[in-house]
Protein backbone atom coordinates (compact mmCIF):
# COMPACT_ATOMS: atom_id res chain seq x y z
CA MET A 1 119.01 70.04 23.83
CA SER A 2 116.64 68.84 26.74
CA GLY A 3 119.16 70.19 29.31
CA ARG A 4 118.87 73.85 28.41
CA HIS A 5 115.31 74.01 26.85
CA GLY A 6 113.98 71.45 29.54
CA ALA A 7 115.23 73.78 32.29
CA GLY A 8 113.55 76.83 30.52
CA ARG A 9 110.22 74.96 30.36
CA ALA A 10 110.34 73.95 33.85
CA THR A 11 111.04 77.76 34.98
CA THR A 12 108.31 78.80 32.87
CA LEU A 13 105.89 76.25 34.22
CA ALA A 14 107.03 77.26 37.83
CA ALA A 15 106.51 80.79 37.15
CA SER A 16 103.11 80.26 35.51
CA THR A 17 101.98 78.19 38.45
CA THR A 18 103.20 80.83 40.97
CA CYS A 19 101.32 83.61 39.08
CA GLY A 20 98.20 81.62 39.00
CA ALA A 21 98.40 80.99 42.73
CA LEU A 22 99.14 84.67 43.44
CA THR A 23 96.27 85.65 41.28
CA ILE A 24 93.74 83.38 43.09
CA LEU A 25 95.11 84.71 46.39
CA LEU A 26 94.68 88.33 45.36
CA ALA A 27 91.12 87.63 44.13
CA ALA A 28 90.21 86.14 47.46
CA CYS A 29 91.59 89.20 49.28
CA ALA A 30 89.38 91.44 47.18
CA SER A 31 86.11 89.62 47.83
CA PRO A 32 83.95 91.25 50.62
CA VAL A 33 83.56 89.32 53.95
CA GLY A 34 80.37 89.78 55.90
CA GLY A 35 80.06 90.72 59.51
CA GLN A 36 81.26 93.63 61.63
CA ALA A 37 84.99 94.46 62.86
CA LEU A 38 85.40 94.28 66.61
CA PRO A 39 88.23 95.26 68.77
CA VAL A 40 90.45 92.39 70.03
CA HIS A 41 90.76 92.26 73.84
CA GLY A 42 94.33 91.77 75.14
CA PRO A 43 97.58 93.61 74.96
CA ARG A 44 97.63 96.47 72.66
CA ASP A 45 99.65 96.71 69.43
CA ALA A 46 100.69 100.25 69.84
CA PRO A 47 101.29 102.20 73.00
CA ARG A 48 98.99 104.81 73.79
CA PRO A 49 99.36 107.79 76.12
CA PRO A 50 97.72 107.23 79.44
CA ALA A 51 94.14 108.53 80.04
CA PRO A 52 93.98 111.17 82.83
CA ALA A 53 93.25 109.27 86.09
CA PRO A 54 90.19 110.31 87.94
CA TYR A 55 92.14 109.90 91.25
CA ASP A 56 95.64 111.25 91.99
CA PRO A 57 97.38 108.12 93.51
CA CYS A 58 99.41 110.31 96.06
CA ALA A 59 96.13 111.86 97.12
CA LEU A 60 94.58 108.47 98.41
CA LEU A 61 96.57 108.81 101.58
CA THR A 62 97.00 111.90 103.77
CA GLU A 63 100.24 112.73 105.28
CA ARG A 64 99.01 111.88 108.58
CA GLU A 65 97.59 108.53 107.50
CA ALA A 66 100.90 107.71 105.84
CA GLU A 67 102.61 108.49 109.06
CA ASP A 68 100.21 106.37 110.89
CA LEU A 69 101.12 103.43 108.58
CA GLY A 70 104.83 103.95 109.36
CA LEU A 71 105.58 105.56 106.02
CA GLU A 72 107.19 108.74 105.05
CA PRO A 73 104.37 111.49 104.84
CA ARG A 74 104.66 112.28 101.21
CA GLY A 75 104.50 109.76 98.43
CA THR A 76 106.67 109.89 95.17
CA PRO A 77 104.70 110.05 91.93
CA MET A 78 105.47 107.26 89.55
CA PRO A 79 104.51 107.92 85.96
CA GLY A 80 102.90 105.26 84.06
CA GLU A 81 104.54 103.10 81.50
CA PRO A 82 101.81 102.09 79.14
CA GLU A 83 104.03 100.34 76.79
CA ARG A 84 105.01 97.90 79.69
CA LEU A 85 101.30 97.86 81.02
CA VAL A 86 102.23 99.73 84.26
CA PRO A 87 99.76 102.29 85.32
CA PRO A 88 100.65 105.54 87.04
CA GLY A 89 101.17 105.42 90.74
CA CYS A 90 102.70 106.75 93.95
CA SER A 91 105.27 105.11 96.34
CA TRP A 92 105.89 105.71 99.94
CA SER A 93 109.16 104.69 101.82
CA PRO A 94 109.17 103.33 105.22
CA VAL A 95 110.10 105.73 107.96
CA ASP A 96 113.86 105.49 108.95
CA GLY A 97 114.30 104.09 112.37
CA VAL A 98 110.79 102.48 112.76
CA PRO A 99 111.26 98.68 113.40
CA SER A 100 109.60 97.30 110.41
CA ARG A 101 110.10 94.67 107.78
CA LEU A 102 108.10 96.83 105.41
CA SER A 103 110.29 97.32 102.07
CA THR A 104 107.78 99.02 99.73
CA PHE A 105 104.34 100.48 99.63
CA SER A 106 102.48 101.75 96.44
CA ILE A 107 99.23 102.77 95.20
CA VAL A 108 98.43 102.71 91.31
CA VAL A 109 95.41 104.03 89.42
CA SER A 110 94.58 102.64 86.04
CA VAL A 111 92.00 103.90 83.66
CA ASP A 112 93.09 101.90 80.46
CA ILE A 113 94.98 98.78 81.78
CA HIS A 114 92.92 95.95 82.90
CA PRO A 115 93.93 94.28 86.06
CA GLU A 116 94.63 90.86 84.32
CA GLU A 117 97.13 92.76 82.25
CA PHE A 118 98.98 94.18 85.33
CA TYR A 119 98.65 91.28 87.88
CA GLY A 120 98.47 88.34 85.56
CA THR A 121 95.49 86.02 84.81
CA ALA A 122 95.78 84.04 88.00
CA PRO A 123 92.33 84.48 89.91
CA PRO A 124 92.23 86.40 93.05
CA THR A 125 93.07 84.46 96.32
CA GLY A 126 90.22 86.13 98.29
CA THR A 127 88.14 89.20 98.38
CA ARG A 128 86.91 91.53 101.28
CA THR A 129 84.49 94.45 101.21
CA VAL A 130 86.05 97.44 102.84
CA GLY A 131 84.40 100.81 102.86
CA GLY A 132 81.87 99.72 100.16
CA TYR A 133 84.68 98.62 97.75
CA GLU A 134 85.31 94.87 97.05
CA TRP A 135 89.04 94.33 97.28
CA SER A 136 90.69 91.21 95.66
CA ARG A 137 93.85 89.90 96.95
CA ARG A 138 95.96 89.21 93.79
CA PRO A 139 98.60 86.65 93.70
CA ASN A 140 102.11 88.00 92.92
CA PRO A 141 104.37 86.06 90.66
CA PHE A 142 107.41 87.29 92.67
CA GLY A 143 106.45 85.48 95.92
CA GLU A 144 104.75 85.42 99.25
CA GLN A 145 106.65 88.39 100.52
CA PHE A 146 104.65 90.63 98.26
CA CYS A 147 100.93 91.57 98.73
CA ASP A 148 98.65 93.12 96.28
CA PHE A 149 95.00 94.12 96.58
CA ALA A 150 92.92 95.62 93.71
CA THR A 151 89.43 97.17 93.49
CA GLN A 152 87.31 98.84 90.83
CA ALA A 153 86.46 102.44 91.53
CA ARG A 154 84.31 104.89 89.38
CA GLY A 155 86.07 106.01 86.31
CA THR A 156 88.85 103.34 86.57
CA ARG A 157 89.76 99.90 85.48
CA PHE A 158 91.27 99.29 88.93
CA VAL A 159 93.03 100.89 91.98
CA GLY A 160 95.71 98.71 93.57
CA ILE A 161 97.55 98.70 96.68
CA GLY A 162 101.00 96.83 96.87
CA THR A 163 103.33 96.00 99.52
CA SER A 164 106.45 93.95 100.08
CA VAL A 165 108.45 92.95 103.08
CA LEU A 166 111.92 91.72 103.83
CA GLY A 167 111.61 88.06 105.21
CA GLU A 168 108.65 87.23 107.17
CA PRO A 169 106.16 86.69 104.30
CA GLU A 170 103.33 86.25 106.90
CA GLN A 171 103.60 89.98 107.44
CA ALA A 172 103.39 90.95 103.72
CA CYS A 173 99.89 92.17 103.87
CA ALA A 174 99.87 93.83 107.31
CA VAL A 175 100.25 97.37 106.14
CA ALA A 176 98.28 97.01 103.05
CA GLU A 177 95.20 95.58 105.15
CA GLN A 178 95.53 98.70 107.35
CA ALA A 179 95.58 100.90 104.25
CA LEU A 180 92.44 99.50 102.65
CA PRO A 181 89.93 101.58 104.77
CA LEU A 182 91.89 104.62 104.22
CA VAL A 183 92.05 104.36 100.61
CA SER A 184 88.42 103.15 100.41
CA ALA A 185 87.39 106.31 102.29
CA HIS A 186 89.28 108.62 99.84
CA LEU A 187 87.70 106.81 96.76
CA ALA A 188 84.19 107.05 98.29
CA GLY A 189 84.78 110.76 99.20
CA ARG A 190 85.41 111.88 95.73
């Protein structure tokens, strides 16, 4: 008798206890909480379409300026990937036949992605003021052969210049540093 009926009582008792706990939890959820809802800073839950950039990344260097840097005259637009926290940009290839270790050169313009989301949270390794803009050197997690600078321009979260070289990490910033005054002049001339 106790086997069959005892099990029934234990099940009834467990169900009652579960129901009671659930009722308390639901009642707690229904009570108002004081305060004000504020947005959370950090990565977004759902991808949003990128906001229109106030600057065209490919227009931040003229064809002549690109050639003077040893780059092809026209850059290639790169669409942003907000779900991967990558802002829209423009990339230029090194000119064929020019002796250079430069591998990549790009400019990005972000209106909705924070620099810390794109570059990571490591603090800048240095700053310099060029053309009225404070450019910070951002460490790159892929190594010393990469060089990244970022600044904040009107209407943006940041504008970034990035280069990479094949070998010779001490030359990683050479072209990026030459581009800083050129890009700054375009940002200021807007």
